[in-house]
Amino acid sequence: MSQEQLFSHAPTKASSIIGSKVVNPLGDNVGDIKEIVIDPRSGRVAYVVVAFGGVFGLGEKLFAIPFKAFDYNVGKNEYVLKVSKEQVEKAPGFDSAHWPSLADEKWNREIHTYYNHSPYWEY
C-alpha cells in the first residue's frame, strides 16, 4: 500500500469531531457530537455521545452510539448516522447529569447490540 493510500483518511483530533453535526441518511439534522469515549487500555473509540432534542442545550437527551454506526461526509464535514429515524427515537439514552456506568459490560453490550455492531473490544 502506498503512503498516499495509507493516509487517504488521515487521523483526526477529537476536538475537531466534538460539536460536529449528525445527520440521518436523508441529510436531516438529528443532533451533534458532545463527547468521544475512548477505551484507555486499547485506545479504541468506544462511543461517540450525541445530543438530540432540546433547545439551547436544555432538555436534550444524550445517546452513546458506537462510532462504527456513522459514516463521515468529508465534503460537508458531518457524520451520517446509519440508522432509521424510528431507531433513533427509541434508542436508550440518558441526561447529562446521569451518565450510565461505562464500566458496565452488560450496558455496553446492549448499546452495541441495539445499533447492530459488535462491541468495540471484540474487533
PDB file of N, CA and C in Angstrom:
ATOM      1  N   MET A   1       0.853  -1.181   0.000  1.00  0.00           N
ATOM      2  CA  MET A   1       0.000   0.000   0.000  1.00  0.00           C
ATOM      3  C   MET A   1       0.893   1.236   0.000  1.00  0.00           C
ATOM      4  N   SER A   2       0.614   2.161  -0.881  1.00  0.00           N
ATOM      5  CA  SER A   2       1.424   3.368  -0.958  1.00  0.00           C
ATOM      6  C   SER A   2       1.127   4.293   0.223  1.00  0.00           C
ATOM      7  N   GLN A   3       2.056   5.198   0.473  1.00  0.00           N
ATOM      8  CA  GLN A   3       1.881   6.172   1.549  1.00  0.00           C
ATOM      9  C   GLN A   3       0.620   6.999   1.338  1.00  0.00           C
ATOM     10  N   GLU A   4       0.343   7.374   0.080  1.00  0.00           N
ATOM     11  CA  GLU A   4      -0.843   8.168  -0.217  1.00  0.00           C
ATOM     12  C   GLU A   4      -2.119   7.402   0.105  1.00  0.00           C
ATOM     13  N   GLN A   5      -2.183   6.121  -0.234  1.00  0.00           N
ATOM     14  CA  GLN A   5      -3.362   5.310   0.062  1.00  0.00           C
ATOM     15  C   GLN A   5      -3.516   5.115   1.558  1.00  0.00           C
ATOM     16  N   LEU A   6      -2.420   4.907   2.241  1.00  0.00           N
ATOM     17  CA  LEU A   6      -2.455   4.649   3.671  1.00  0.00           C
ATOM     18  C   LEU A   6      -3.079   5.815   4.444  1.00  0.00           C
ATOM     19  N   PHE A   7      -2.805   7.050   4.019  1.00  0.00           N
ATOM     20  CA  PHE A   7      -3.300   8.217   4.742  1.00  0.00           C
ATOM     21  C   PHE A   7      -4.418   8.945   3.999  1.00  0.00           C
ATOM     22  N   SER A   8      -5.168   8.231   3.178  1.00  0.00           N
ATOM     23  CA  SER A   8      -6.277   8.871   2.485  1.00  0.00           C
ATOM     24  C   SER A   8      -7.356   9.333   3.464  1.00  0.00           C
ATOM     25  N   HIS A   9      -7.416   8.715   4.622  1.00  0.00           N
ATOM     26  CA  HIS A   9      -8.319   9.132   5.699  1.00  0.00           C
ATOM     27  C   HIS A   9      -7.443   9.418   6.912  1.00  0.00           C
ATOM     28  N   ALA A  10      -6.886  10.603   6.941  1.00  0.00           N
ATOM     29  CA  ALA A  10      -5.928  10.976   7.976  1.00  0.00           C
ATOM     30  C   ALA A  10      -6.556  10.931   9.361  1.00  0.00           C
ATOM     31  N   PRO A  11      -5.768  10.611  10.377  1.00  0.00           N
ATOM     32  CA  PRO A  11      -6.267  10.674  11.754  1.00  0.00           C
ATOM     33  C   PRO A  11      -6.795  12.077  12.055  1.00  0.00           C
ATOM     34  N   THR A  12      -7.772  12.141  12.952  1.00  0.00           N
ATOM     35  CA  THR A  12      -8.441  13.400  13.268  1.00  0.00           C
ATOM     36  C   THR A  12      -8.389  13.654  14.764  1.00  0.00           C
ATOM     37  N   LYS A  13      -8.193  14.897  15.148  1.00  0.00           N
ATOM     38  CA  LYS A  13      -8.206  15.261  16.559  1.00  0.00           C
ATOM     39  C   LYS A  13      -9.634  15.155  17.095  1.00  0.00           C
ATOM     40  N   ALA A  14      -9.775  14.638  18.308  1.00  0.00           N
ATOM     41  CA  ALA A  14     -11.093  14.519  18.926  1.00  0.00           C
ATOM     42  C   ALA A  14     -11.765  15.883  19.027  1.00  0.00           C
ATOM     43  N   SER A  15     -10.991  16.904  19.303  1.00  0.00           N
ATOM     44  CA  SER A  15     -11.572  18.243  19.456  1.00  0.00           C
ATOM     45  C   SER A  15     -12.211  18.744  18.167  1.00  0.00           C
ATOM     46  N   SER A  16     -11.772  18.217  17.007  1.00  0.00           N
ATOM     47  CA  SER A  16     -12.391  18.648  15.754  1.00  0.00           C
ATOM     48  C   SER A  16     -13.672  17.862  15.459  1.00  0.00           C
ATOM     49  N   ILE A  17     -13.881  16.747  16.154  1.00  0.00           N
ATOM     50  CA  ILE A  17     -15.095  15.950  15.979  1.00  0.00           C
ATOM     51  C   ILE A  17     -16.199  16.445  16.920  1.00  0.00           C
ATOM     52  N   ILE A  18     -15.820  16.794  18.145  1.00  0.00           N
ATOM     53  CA  ILE A  18     -16.800  17.271  19.125  1.00  0.00           C
ATOM     54  C   ILE A  18     -17.451  18.550  18.593  1.00  0.00           C
ATOM     55  N   GLY A  19     -18.770  18.559  18.599  1.00  0.00           N
ATOM     56  CA  GLY A  19     -19.538  19.686  18.069  1.00  0.00           C
ATOM     57  C   GLY A  19     -19.986  19.477  16.636  1.00  0.00           C
ATOM     58  N   SER A  20     -19.464  18.423  15.983  1.00  0.00           N
ATOM     59  CA  SER A  20     -19.857  18.163  14.596  1.00  0.00           C
ATOM     60  C   SER A  20     -21.327  17.802  14.500  1.00  0.00           C
ATOM     61  N   LYS A  21     -21.910  18.171  13.379  1.00  0.00           N
ATOM     62  CA  LYS A  21     -23.312  17.895  13.118  1.00  0.00           C
ATOM     63  C   LYS A  21     -23.497  16.417  12.796  1.00  0.00           C
ATOM     64  N   VAL A  22     -24.609  15.863  13.275  1.00  0.00           N
ATOM     65  CA  VAL A  22     -25.008  14.493  12.955  1.00  0.00           C
ATOM     66  C   VAL A  22     -26.293  14.578  12.152  1.00  0.00           C
ATOM     67  N   VAL A  23     -26.308  13.898  11.013  1.00  0.00           N
ATOM     68  CA  VAL A  23     -27.482  13.884  10.154  1.00  0.00           C
ATOM     69  C   VAL A  23     -27.919  12.442   9.908  1.00  0.00           C
ATOM     70  N   ASN A  24     -29.153  12.282   9.467  1.00  0.00           N
ATOM     71  CA  ASN A  24     -29.617  10.956   9.081  1.00  0.00           C
ATOM     72  C   ASN A  24     -29.251  10.743   7.611  1.00  0.00           C
ATOM     73  N   PRO A  25     -29.485   9.555   7.061  1.00  0.00           N
ATOM     74  CA  PRO A  25     -29.115   9.310   5.667  1.00  0.00           C
ATOM     75  C   PRO A  25     -29.800  10.237   4.651  1.00  0.00           C
ATOM     76  N   LEU A  26     -30.887  10.884   5.040  1.00  0.00           N
ATOM     77  CA  LEU A  26     -31.569  11.832   4.150  1.00  0.00           C
ATOM     78  C   LEU A  26     -30.985  13.241   4.243  1.00  0.00           C
ATOM     79  N   GLY A  27     -30.039  13.439   5.168  1.00  0.00           N
ATOM     80  CA  GLY A  27     -29.424  14.750   5.348  1.00  0.00           C
ATOM     81  C   GLY A  27     -30.084  15.618   6.380  1.00  0.00           C
ATOM     82  N   ASP A  28     -31.112  15.104   7.067  1.00  0.00           N
ATOM     83  CA  ASP A  28     -31.795  15.875   8.110  1.00  0.00           C
ATOM     84  C   ASP A  28     -30.927  15.937   9.361  1.00  0.00           C
ATOM     85  N   ASN A  29     -30.809  17.109   9.943  1.00  0.00           N
ATOM     86  CA  ASN A  29     -30.030  17.279  11.166  1.00  0.00           C
ATOM     87  C   ASN A  29     -30.725  16.552  12.320  1.00  0.00           C
ATOM     88  N   VAL A  30     -29.979  15.701  13.024  1.00  0.00           N
ATOM     89  CA  VAL A  30     -30.570  14.985  14.161  1.00  0.00           C
ATOM     90  C   VAL A  30     -29.877  15.306  15.480  1.00  0.00           C
ATOM     91  N   GLY A  31     -28.759  16.002  15.456  1.00  0.00           N
ATOM     92  CA  GLY A  31     -28.076  16.340  16.699  1.00  0.00           C
ATOM     93  C   GLY A  31     -26.632  16.727  16.447  1.00  0.00           C
ATOM     94  N   ASP A  32     -25.851  16.699  17.530  1.00  0.00           N
ATOM     95  CA  ASP A  32     -24.426  16.981  17.400  1.00  0.00           C
ATOM     96  C   ASP A  32     -23.632  16.146  18.386  1.00  0.00           C
ATOM     97  N   ILE A  33     -22.371  15.964  18.071  1.00  0.00           N
ATOM     98  CA  ILE A  33     -21.476  15.138  18.901  1.00  0.00           C
ATOM     99  C   ILE A  33     -21.023  15.968  20.099  1.00  0.00           C
ATOM    100  N   LYS A  34     -21.258  15.428  21.289  1.00  0.00           N
ATOM    101  CA  LYS A  34     -20.900  16.120  22.529  1.00  0.00           C
ATOM    102  C   LYS A  34     -19.617  15.596  23.152  1.00  0.00           C
ATOM    103  N   GLU A  35     -19.336  14.311  22.939  1.00  0.00           N
ATOM    104  CA  GLU A  35     -18.205  13.686  23.630  1.00  0.00           C
ATOM    105  C   GLU A  35     -17.734  12.487  22.840  1.00  0.00           C
ATOM    106  N   ILE A  36     -16.477  12.141  23.021  1.00  0.00           N
ATOM    107  CA  ILE A  36     -15.914  10.926  22.447  1.00  0.00           C
ATOM    108  C   ILE A  36     -15.379  10.119  23.618  1.00  0.00           C
ATOM    109  N   VAL A  37     -15.809   8.866  23.706  1.00  0.00           N
ATOM    110  CA  VAL A  37     -15.409   8.000  24.814  1.00  0.00           C
ATOM    111  C   VAL A  37     -14.395   6.990  24.274  1.00  0.00           C
ATOM    112  N   ILE A  38     -13.211   6.972  24.867  1.00  0.00           N
ATOM    113  CA  ILE A  38     -12.116   6.120  24.411  1.00  0.00           C
ATOM    114  C   ILE A  38     -11.782   5.096  25.480  1.00  0.00           C
ATOM    115  N   ASP A  39     -11.571   3.852  25.047  1.00  0.00           N
ATOM    116  CA  ASP A  39     -11.112   2.802  25.952  1.00  0.00           C
ATOM    117  C   ASP A  39      -9.628   3.065  26.215  1.00  0.00           C
ATOM    118  N   PRO A  40      -9.247   3.380  27.458  1.00  0.00           N
ATOM    119  CA  PRO A  40      -7.858   3.755  27.723  1.00  0.00           C
ATOM    120  C   PRO A  40      -6.865   2.600  27.557  1.00  0.00           C
ATOM    121  N   ARG A  41      -7.325   1.371  27.656  1.00  0.00           N
ATOM    122  CA  ARG A  41      -6.396   0.245  27.520  1.00  0.00           C
ATOM    123  C   ARG A  41      -6.117  -0.093  26.066  1.00  0.00           C
ATOM    124  N   SER A  42      -7.137  -0.052  25.218  1.00  0.00           N
ATOM    125  CA  SER A  42      -6.930  -0.416  23.810  1.00  0.00           C
ATOM    126  C   SER A  42      -6.693   0.796  22.916  1.00  0.00           C
ATOM    127  N   GLY A  43      -7.124   1.978  23.377  1.00  0.00           N
ATOM    128  CA  GLY A  43      -7.019   3.178  22.560  1.00  0.00           C
ATOM    129  C   GLY A  43      -8.134   3.290  21.530  1.00  0.00           C
ATOM    130  N   ARG A  44      -9.070   2.369  21.546  1.00  0.00           N
ATOM    131  CA  ARG A  44     -10.175   2.391  20.580  1.00  0.00           C
ATOM    132  C   ARG A  44     -11.271   3.355  21.023  1.00  0.00           C
ATOM    133  N   VAL A  45     -11.948   3.917  20.027  1.00  0.00           N
ATOM    134  CA  VAL A  45     -13.115   4.743  20.328  1.00  0.00           C
ATOM    135  C   VAL A  45     -14.238   3.788  20.701  1.00  0.00           C
ATOM    136  N   ALA A  46     -14.742   3.925  21.904  1.00  0.00           N
ATOM    137  CA  ALA A  46     -15.836   3.076  22.368  1.00  0.00           C
ATOM    138  C   ALA A  46     -17.169   3.611  21.844  1.00  0.00           C
ATOM    139  N   TYR A  47     -17.360   4.905  21.964  1.00  0.00           N
ATOM    140  CA  TYR A  47     -18.611   5.553  21.568  1.00  0.00           C
ATOM    141  C   TYR A  47     -18.347   6.986  21.201  1.00  0.00           C
ATOM    142  N   VAL A  48     -19.311   7.553  20.516  1.00  0.00           N
ATOM    143  CA  VAL A  48     -19.447   9.000  20.484  1.00  0.00           C
ATOM    144  C   VAL A  48     -20.768   9.259  21.203  1.00  0.00           C
ATOM    145  N   VAL A  49     -20.824  10.328  21.929  1.00  0.00           N
ATOM    146  CA  VAL A  49     -22.050  10.704  22.631  1.00  0.00           C
ATOM    147  C   VAL A  49     -22.684  11.828  21.837  1.00  0.00           C
ATOM    148  N   VAL A  50     -23.914  11.583  21.429  1.00  0.00           N
ATOM    149  CA  VAL A  50     -24.644  12.524  20.584  1.00  0.00           C
ATOM    150  C   VAL A  50     -25.821  13.088  21.361  1.00  0.00           C
ATOM    151  N   ALA A  51     -26.048  14.398  21.211  1.00  0.00           N
ATOM    152  CA  ALA A  51     -27.192  15.058  21.844  1.00  0.00           C
ATOM    153  C   ALA A  51     -28.274  15.257  20.800  1.00  0.00           C
ATOM    154  N   PHE A  52     -29.486  14.843  21.155  1.00  0.00           N
ATOM    155  CA  PHE A  52     -30.661  15.028  20.315  1.00  0.00           C
ATOM    156  C   PHE A  52     -31.694  15.809  21.101  1.00  0.00           C
ATOM    157  N   GLY A  53     -32.439  16.638  20.427  1.00  0.00           N
ATOM    158  CA  GLY A  53     -33.555  17.338  21.052  1.00  0.00           C
ATOM    159  C   GLY A  53     -33.109  18.512  21.886  1.00  0.00           C
ATOM    160  N   GLY A  54     -34.067  19.094  22.563  1.00  0.00           N
ATOM    161  CA  GLY A  54     -33.797  20.225  23.435  1.00  0.00           C
ATOM    162  C   GLY A  54     -33.607  21.524  22.665  1.00  0.00           C
ATOM    163  N   VAL A  55     -33.554  22.603  23.413  1.00  0.00           N
ATOM    164  CA  VAL A  55     -33.350  23.931  22.863  1.00  0.00           C
ATOM    165  C   VAL A  55     -32.235  24.591  23.657  1.00  0.00           C
ATOM    166  N   PHE A  56     -31.197  25.048  22.976  1.00  0.00           N
ATOM    167  CA  PHE A  56     -30.041  25.687  23.620  1.00  0.00           C
ATOM    168  C   PHE A  56     -29.451  24.810  24.724  1.00  0.00           C
ATOM    169  N   GLY A  57     -29.432  23.501  24.497  1.00  0.00           N
ATOM    170  CA  GLY A  57     -28.850  22.581  25.461  1.00  0.00           C
ATOM    171  C   GLY A  57     -29.778  22.166  26.587  1.00  0.00           C
ATOM    172  N   LEU A  58     -30.970  22.751  26.667  1.00  0.00           N
ATOM    173  CA  LEU A  58     -31.911  22.408  27.728  1.00  0.00           C
ATOM    174  C   LEU A  58     -32.867  21.334  27.222  1.00  0.00           C
ATOM    175  N   GLY A  59     -33.032  20.287  28.000  1.00  0.00           N
ATOM    176  CA  GLY A  59     -33.948  19.220  27.647  1.00  0.00           C
ATOM    177  C   GLY A  59     -33.400  18.237  26.626  1.00  0.00           C
ATOM    178  N   GLU A  60     -32.123  18.410  26.255  1.00  0.00           N
ATOM    179  CA  GLU A  60     -31.575  17.471  25.299  1.00  0.00           C
ATOM    180  C   GLU A  60     -31.272  16.143  25.971  1.00  0.00           C
ATOM    181  N   LYS A  61     -31.314  15.101  25.189  1.00  0.00           N
ATOM    182  CA  LYS A  61     -31.032  13.760  25.658  1.00  0.00           C
ATOM    183  C   LYS A  61     -29.743  13.298  24.998  1.00  0.00           C
ATOM    184  N   LEU A  62     -28.921  12.572  25.759  1.00  0.00           N
ATOM    185  CA  LEU A  62     -27.654  12.070  25.248  1.00  0.00           C
ATOM    186  C   LEU A  62     -27.759  10.591  24.898  1.00  0.00           C
ATOM    187  N   PHE A  63     -27.005  10.194  23.876  1.00  0.00           N
ATOM    188  CA  PHE A  63     -27.004   8.811  23.412  1.00  0.00           C
ATOM    189  C   PHE A  63     -25.575   8.374  23.149  1.00  0.00           C
ATOM    190  N   ALA A  64     -25.191   7.242  23.714  1.00  0.00           N
ATOM    191  CA  ALA A  64     -23.895   6.639  23.408  1.00  0.00           C
ATOM    192  C   ALA A  64     -24.103   5.770  22.178  1.00  0.00           C
ATOM    193  N   ILE A  65     -23.375   6.066  21.121  1.00  0.00           N
ATOM    194  CA  ILE A  65     -23.559   5.367  19.852  1.00  0.00           C
ATOM    195  C   ILE A  65     -22.202   4.863  19.374  1.00  0.00           C
ATOM    196  N   PRO A  66     -22.119   3.579  19.015  1.00  0.00           N
ATOM    197  CA  PRO A  66     -20.840   3.066  18.502  1.00  0.00           C
ATOM    198  C   PRO A  66     -20.376   3.891  17.306  1.00  0.00           C
ATOM    199  N   PHE A  67     -19.103   4.214  17.269  1.00  0.00           N
ATOM    200  CA  PHE A  67     -18.562   5.048  16.199  1.00  0.00           C
ATOM    201  C   PHE A  67     -18.751   4.391  14.835  1.00  0.00           C
ATOM    202  N   LYS A  68     -18.790   3.061  14.800  1.00  0.00           N
ATOM    203  CA  LYS A  68     -18.983   2.354  13.534  1.00  0.00           C
ATOM    204  C   LYS A  68     -20.395   2.541  12.968  1.00  0.00           C
ATOM    205  N   ALA A  69     -21.306   3.126  13.733  1.00  0.00           N
ATOM    206  CA  ALA A  69     -22.665   3.368  13.241  1.00  0.00           C
ATOM    207  C   ALA A  69     -22.740   4.632  12.387  1.00  0.00           C
ATOM    208  N   PHE A  70     -21.602   5.309  12.188  1.00  0.00           N
ATOM    209  CA  PHE A  70     -21.560   6.556  11.439  1.00  0.00           C
ATOM    210  C   PHE A  70     -20.720   6.413  10.173  1.00  0.00           C
ATOM    211  N   ASP A  71     -21.077   7.196   9.178  1.00  0.00           N
ATOM    212  CA  ASP A  71     -20.219   7.452   8.023  1.00  0.00           C
ATOM    213  C   ASP A  71     -19.838   8.921   8.110  1.00  0.00           C
ATOM    214  N   TYR A  72     -18.663   9.244   7.623  1.00  0.00           N
ATOM    215  CA  TYR A  72     -18.228  10.641   7.627  1.00  0.00           C
ATOM    216  C   TYR A  72     -18.376  11.221   6.229  1.00  0.00           C
ATOM    217  N   ASN A  73     -19.061  12.352   6.108  1.00  0.00           N
ATOM    218  CA  ASN A  73     -19.217  13.064   4.845  1.00  0.00           C
ATOM    219  C   ASN A  73     -18.146  14.150   4.811  1.00  0.00           C
ATOM    220  N   VAL A  74     -17.065  13.885   4.089  1.00  0.00           N
ATOM    221  CA  VAL A  74     -15.933  14.800   4.037  1.00  0.00           C
ATOM    222  C   VAL A  74     -16.342  16.170   3.494  1.00  0.00           C
ATOM    223  N   GLY A  75     -17.108  16.188   2.403  1.00  0.00           N
ATOM    224  CA  GLY A  75     -17.493  17.443   1.767  1.00  0.00           C
ATOM    225  C   GLY A  75     -18.300  18.374   2.655  1.00  0.00           C
ATOM    226  N   LYS A  76     -19.107  17.785   3.530  1.00  0.00           N
ATOM    227  CA  LYS A  76     -19.966  18.598   4.401  1.00  0.00           C
ATOM    228  C   LYS A  76     -19.476  18.632   5.839  1.00  0.00           C
ATOM    229  N   ASN A  77     -18.404  17.900   6.130  1.00  0.00           N
ATOM    230  CA  ASN A  77     -17.860  17.824   7.489  1.00  0.00           C
ATOM    231  C   ASN A  77     -18.962  17.497   8.505  1.00  0.00           C
ATOM    232  N   GLU A  78     -19.666  16.396   8.224  1.00  0.00           N
ATOM    233  CA  GLU A  78     -20.731  15.960   9.118  1.00  0.00           C
ATOM    234  C   GLU A  78     -20.719  14.433   9.200  1.00  0.00           C
ATOM    235  N   TYR A  79     -21.329  13.928  10.241  1.00  0.00           N
ATOM    236  CA  TYR A  79     -21.395  12.489  10.470  1.00  0.00           C
ATOM    237  C   TYR A  79     -22.804  11.999  10.175  1.00  0.00           C
ATOM    238  N   VAL A  80     -22.887  10.956   9.357  1.00  0.00           N
ATOM    239  CA  VAL A  80     -24.173  10.397   8.954  1.00  0.00           C
ATOM    240  C   VAL A  80     -24.428   9.167   9.807  1.00  0.00           C
ATOM    241  N   LEU A  81     -25.473   9.235  10.615  1.00  0.00           N
ATOM    242  CA  LEU A  81     -25.863   8.124  11.470  1.00  0.00           C
ATOM    243  C   LEU A  81     -26.663   7.147  10.628  1.00  0.00           C
ATOM    244  N   LYS A  82     -26.134   5.940  10.487  1.00  0.00           N
ATOM    245  CA  LYS A  82     -26.712   4.957   9.568  1.00  0.00           C
ATOM    246  C   LYS A  82     -27.816   4.126  10.223  1.00  0.00           C
ATOM    247  N   VAL A  83     -28.775   4.784  10.827  1.00  0.00           N
ATOM    248  CA  VAL A  83     -29.932   4.097  11.406  1.00  0.00           C
ATOM    249  C   VAL A  83     -31.188   4.888  11.063  1.00  0.00           C
ATOM    250  N   SER A  84     -32.318   4.232  11.161  1.00  0.00           N
ATOM    251  CA  SER A  84     -33.579   4.900  10.832  1.00  0.00           C
ATOM    252  C   SER A  84     -33.966   5.914  11.906  1.00  0.00           C
ATOM    253  N   LYS A  85     -34.830   6.838  11.517  1.00  0.00           N
ATOM    254  CA  LYS A  85     -35.348   7.836  12.457  1.00  0.00           C
ATOM    255  C   LYS A  85     -36.061   7.144  13.616  1.00  0.00           C
ATOM    256  N   GLU A  86     -36.803   6.086  13.323  1.00  0.00           N
ATOM    257  CA  GLU A  86     -37.525   5.341  14.358  1.00  0.00           C
ATOM    258  C   GLU A  86     -36.561   4.716  15.355  1.00  0.00           C
ATOM    259  N   GLN A  87     -35.444   4.186  14.855  1.00  0.00           N
ATOM    260  CA  GLN A  87     -34.468   3.569  15.750  1.00  0.00           C
ATOM    261  C   GLN A  87     -33.843   4.630  16.658  1.00  0.00           C
ATOM    262  N   VAL A  88     -33.567   5.804  16.116  1.00  0.00           N
ATOM    263  CA  VAL A  88     -33.013   6.890  16.935  1.00  0.00           C
ATOM    264  C   VAL A  88     -34.021   7.295  18.003  1.00  0.00           C
ATOM    265  N   GLU A  89     -35.284   7.428  17.629  1.00  0.00           N
ATOM    266  CA  GLU A  89     -36.307   7.860  18.581  1.00  0.00           C
ATOM    267  C   GLU A  89     -36.497   6.868  19.723  1.00  0.00           C
ATOM    268  N   LYS A  90     -36.248   5.581  19.482  1.00  0.00           N
ATOM    269  CA  LYS A  90     -36.425   4.550  20.501  1.00  0.00           C
ATOM    270  C   LYS A  90     -35.124   4.169  21.205  1.00  0.00           C
ATOM    271  N   ALA A  91     -34.035   4.811  20.853  1.00  0.00           N
ATOM    272  CA  ALA A  91     -32.723   4.456  21.404  1.00  0.00           C
ATOM    273  C   ALA A  91     -32.650   4.721  22.902  1.00  0.00           C
ATOM    274  N   PRO A  92     -31.905   3.869  23.608  1.00  0.00           N
ATOM    275  CA  PRO A  92     -31.685   4.128  25.033  1.00  0.00           C
ATOM    276  C   PRO A  92     -30.776   5.347  25.188  1.00  0.00           C
ATOM    277  N   GLY A  93     -31.182   6.264  26.023  1.00  0.00           N
ATOM    278  CA  GLY A  93     -30.406   7.481  26.226  1.00  0.00           C
ATOM    279  C   GLY A  93     -30.308   7.832  27.694  1.00  0.00           C
ATOM    280  N   PHE A  94     -29.729   8.981  27.969  1.00  0.00           N
ATOM    281  CA  PHE A  94     -29.539   9.433  29.349  1.00  0.00           C
ATOM    282  C   PHE A  94     -29.402  10.948  29.342  1.00  0.00           C
ATOM    283  N   ASP A  95     -29.487  11.561  30.524  1.00  0.00           N
ATOM    284  CA  ASP A  95     -29.289  13.008  30.572  1.00  0.00           C
ATOM    285  C   ASP A  95     -27.886  13.295  31.089  1.00  0.00           C
ATOM    286  N   SER A  96     -27.433  14.501  30.885  1.00  0.00           N
ATOM    287  CA  SER A  96     -26.040  14.853  31.184  1.00  0.00           C
ATOM    288  C   SER A  96     -25.678  14.727  32.662  1.00  0.00           C
ATOM    289  N   ALA A  97     -26.665  14.752  33.536  1.00  0.00           N
ATOM    290  CA  ALA A  97     -26.402  14.625  34.973  1.00  0.00           C
ATOM    291  C   ALA A  97     -26.410  13.170  35.448  1.00  0.00           C
ATOM    292  N   HIS A  98     -26.809  12.242  34.573  1.00  0.00           N
ATOM    293  CA  HIS A  98     -26.941  10.838  34.982  1.00  0.00           C
ATOM    294  C   HIS A  98     -26.388   9.891  33.924  1.00  0.00           C
ATOM    295  N   TRP A  99     -25.089   9.945  33.735  1.00  0.00           N
ATOM    296  CA  TRP A  99     -24.442   9.056  32.779  1.00  0.00           C
ATOM    297  C   TRP A  99     -24.519   7.610  33.265  1.00  0.00           C
ATOM    298  N   PRO A 100     -24.631   6.670  32.353  1.00  0.00           N
ATOM    299  CA  PRO A 100     -24.580   5.263  32.754  1.00  0.00           C
ATOM    300  C   PRO A 100     -23.160   4.900  33.169  1.00  0.00           C
ATOM    301  N   SER A 101     -23.010   3.777  33.837  1.00  0.00           N
ATOM    302  CA  SER A 101     -21.675   3.302  34.187  1.00  0.00           C
ATOM    303  C   SER A 101     -21.013   2.757  32.934  1.00  0.00           C
ATOM    304  N   LEU A 102     -19.995   3.433  32.460  1.00  0.00           N
ATOM    305  CA  LEU A 102     -19.300   3.000  31.257  1.00  0.00           C
ATOM    306  C   LEU A 102     -18.523   1.705  31.490  1.00  0.00           C
ATOM    307  N   ALA A 103     -18.349   1.324  32.757  1.00  0.00           N
ATOM    308  CA  ALA A 103     -17.644   0.085  33.095  1.00  0.00           C
ATOM    309  C   ALA A 103     -18.584  -1.123  33.116  1.00  0.00           C
ATOM    310  N   ASP A 104     -19.873  -0.906  32.928  1.00  0.00           N
ATOM    311  CA  ASP A 104     -20.863  -1.979  32.973  1.00  0.00           C
ATOM    312  C   ASP A 104     -20.887  -2.725  31.633  1.00  0.00           C
ATOM    313  N   GLU A 105     -20.351  -3.954  31.623  1.00  0.00           N
ATOM    314  CA  GLU A 105     -20.266  -4.710  30.376  1.00  0.00           C
ATOM    315  C   GLU A 105     -21.646  -4.995  29.788  1.00  0.00           C
ATOM    316  N   LYS A 106     -22.622  -5.282  30.632  1.00  0.00           N
ATOM    317  CA  LYS A 106     -23.978  -5.561  30.146  1.00  0.00           C
ATOM    318  C   LYS A 106     -24.521  -4.342  29.387  1.00  0.00           C
ATOM    319  N   TRP A 107     -24.393  -3.168  29.969  1.00  0.00           N
ATOM    320  CA  TRP A 107     -24.855  -1.944  29.310  1.00  0.00           C
ATOM    321  C   TRP A 107     -24.122  -1.748  27.979  1.00  0.00           C
ATOM    322  N   ASN A 108     -22.805  -1.927  27.995  1.00  0.00           N
ATOM    323  CA  ASN A 108     -22.011  -1.780  26.773  1.00  0.00           C
ATOM    324  C   ASN A 108     -22.491  -2.727  25.679  1.00  0.00           C
ATOM    325  N   ARG A 109     -22.718  -3.983  26.015  1.00  0.00           N
ATOM    326  CA  ARG A 109     -23.195  -4.960  25.028  1.00  0.00           C
ATOM    327  C   ARG A 109     -24.576  -4.576  24.492  1.00  0.00           C
ATOM    328  N   GLU A 110     -25.458  -4.133  25.385  1.00  0.00           N
ATOM    329  CA  GLU A 110     -26.805  -3.746  24.962  1.00  0.00           C
ATOM    330  C   GLU A 110     -26.770  -2.580  23.973  1.00  0.00           C
ATOM    331  N   ILE A 111     -25.903  -1.611  24.214  1.00  0.00           N
ATOM    332  CA  ILE A 111     -25.798  -0.467  23.308  1.00  0.00           C
ATOM    333  C   ILE A 111     -25.308  -0.921  21.939  1.00  0.00           C
ATOM    334  N   HIS A 112     -24.266  -1.724  21.928  1.00  0.00           N
ATOM    335  CA  HIS A 112     -23.741  -2.195  20.644  1.00  0.00           C
ATOM    336  C   HIS A 112     -24.762  -3.074  19.916  1.00  0.00           C
ATOM    337  N   THR A 113     -25.457  -3.912  20.647  1.00  0.00           N
ATOM    338  CA  THR A 113     -26.478  -4.765  20.041  1.00  0.00           C
ATOM    339  C   THR A 113     -27.602  -3.910  19.456  1.00  0.00           C
ATOM    340  N   TYR A 114     -28.008  -2.875  20.173  1.00  0.00           N
ATOM    341  CA  TYR A 114     -29.081  -2.006  19.695  1.00  0.00           C
ATOM    342  C   TYR A 114     -28.749  -1.421  18.323  1.00  0.00           C
ATOM    343  N   TYR A 115     -27.490  -1.053  18.134  1.00  0.00           N
ATOM    344  CA  TYR A 115     -27.076  -0.449  16.868  1.00  0.00           C
ATOM    345  C   TYR A 115     -26.504  -1.473  15.876  1.00  0.00           C
ATOM    346  N   ASN A 116     -26.678  -2.753  16.170  1.00  0.00           N
ATOM    347  CA  ASN A 116     -26.251  -3.848  15.291  1.00  0.00           C
ATOM    348  C   ASN A 116     -24.756  -3.836  14.980  1.00  0.00           C
ATOM    349  N   HIS A 117     -23.955  -3.618  16.017  1.00  0.00           N
ATOM    350  CA  HIS A 117     -22.498  -3.656  15.874  1.00  0.00           C
ATOM    351  C   HIS A 117     -21.908  -4.519  16.968  1.00  0.00           C
ATOM    352  N   SER A 118     -20.826  -5.188  16.640  1.00  0.00           N
ATOM    353  CA  SER A 118     -20.102  -5.944  17.661  1.00  0.00           C
ATOM    354  C   SER A 118     -19.494  -4.962  18.644  1.00  0.00           C
ATOM    355  N   PRO A 119     -19.379  -5.359  19.911  1.00  0.00           N
ATOM    356  CA  PRO A 119     -18.722  -4.466  20.878  1.00  0.00           C
ATOM    357  C   PRO A 119     -17.308  -4.109  20.414  1.00  0.00           C
ATOM    358  N   TYR A 120     -16.922  -2.879  20.671  1.00  0.00           N
ATOM    359  CA  TYR A 120     -15.625  -2.374  20.191  1.00  0.00           C
ATOM    360  C   TYR A 120     -14.460  -3.232  20.650  1.00  0.00           C
ATOM    361  N   TRP A 121     -14.559  -3.882  21.801  1.00  0.00           N
ATOM    362  CA  TRP A 121     -13.455  -4.673  22.316  1.00  0.00           C
ATOM    363  C   TRP A 121     -13.330  -6.036  21.635  1.00  0.00           C
ATOM    364  N   GLU A 122     -14.279  -6.365  20.764  1.00  0.00           N
ATOM    365  CA  GLU A 122     -14.243  -7.653  20.062  1.00  0.00           C
ATOM    366  C   GLU A 122     -13.755  -7.529  18.619  1.00  0.00           C
ATOM    367  N   TYR A 123     -13.423  -6.362  18.153  1.00  0.00           N
ATOM    368  CA  TYR A 123     -12.906  -6.251  16.773  1.00  0.00           C
ATOM    369  C   TYR A 123     -11.513  -5.716  16.767  1.00  0.00           C
TER     370      TYR A 123
END
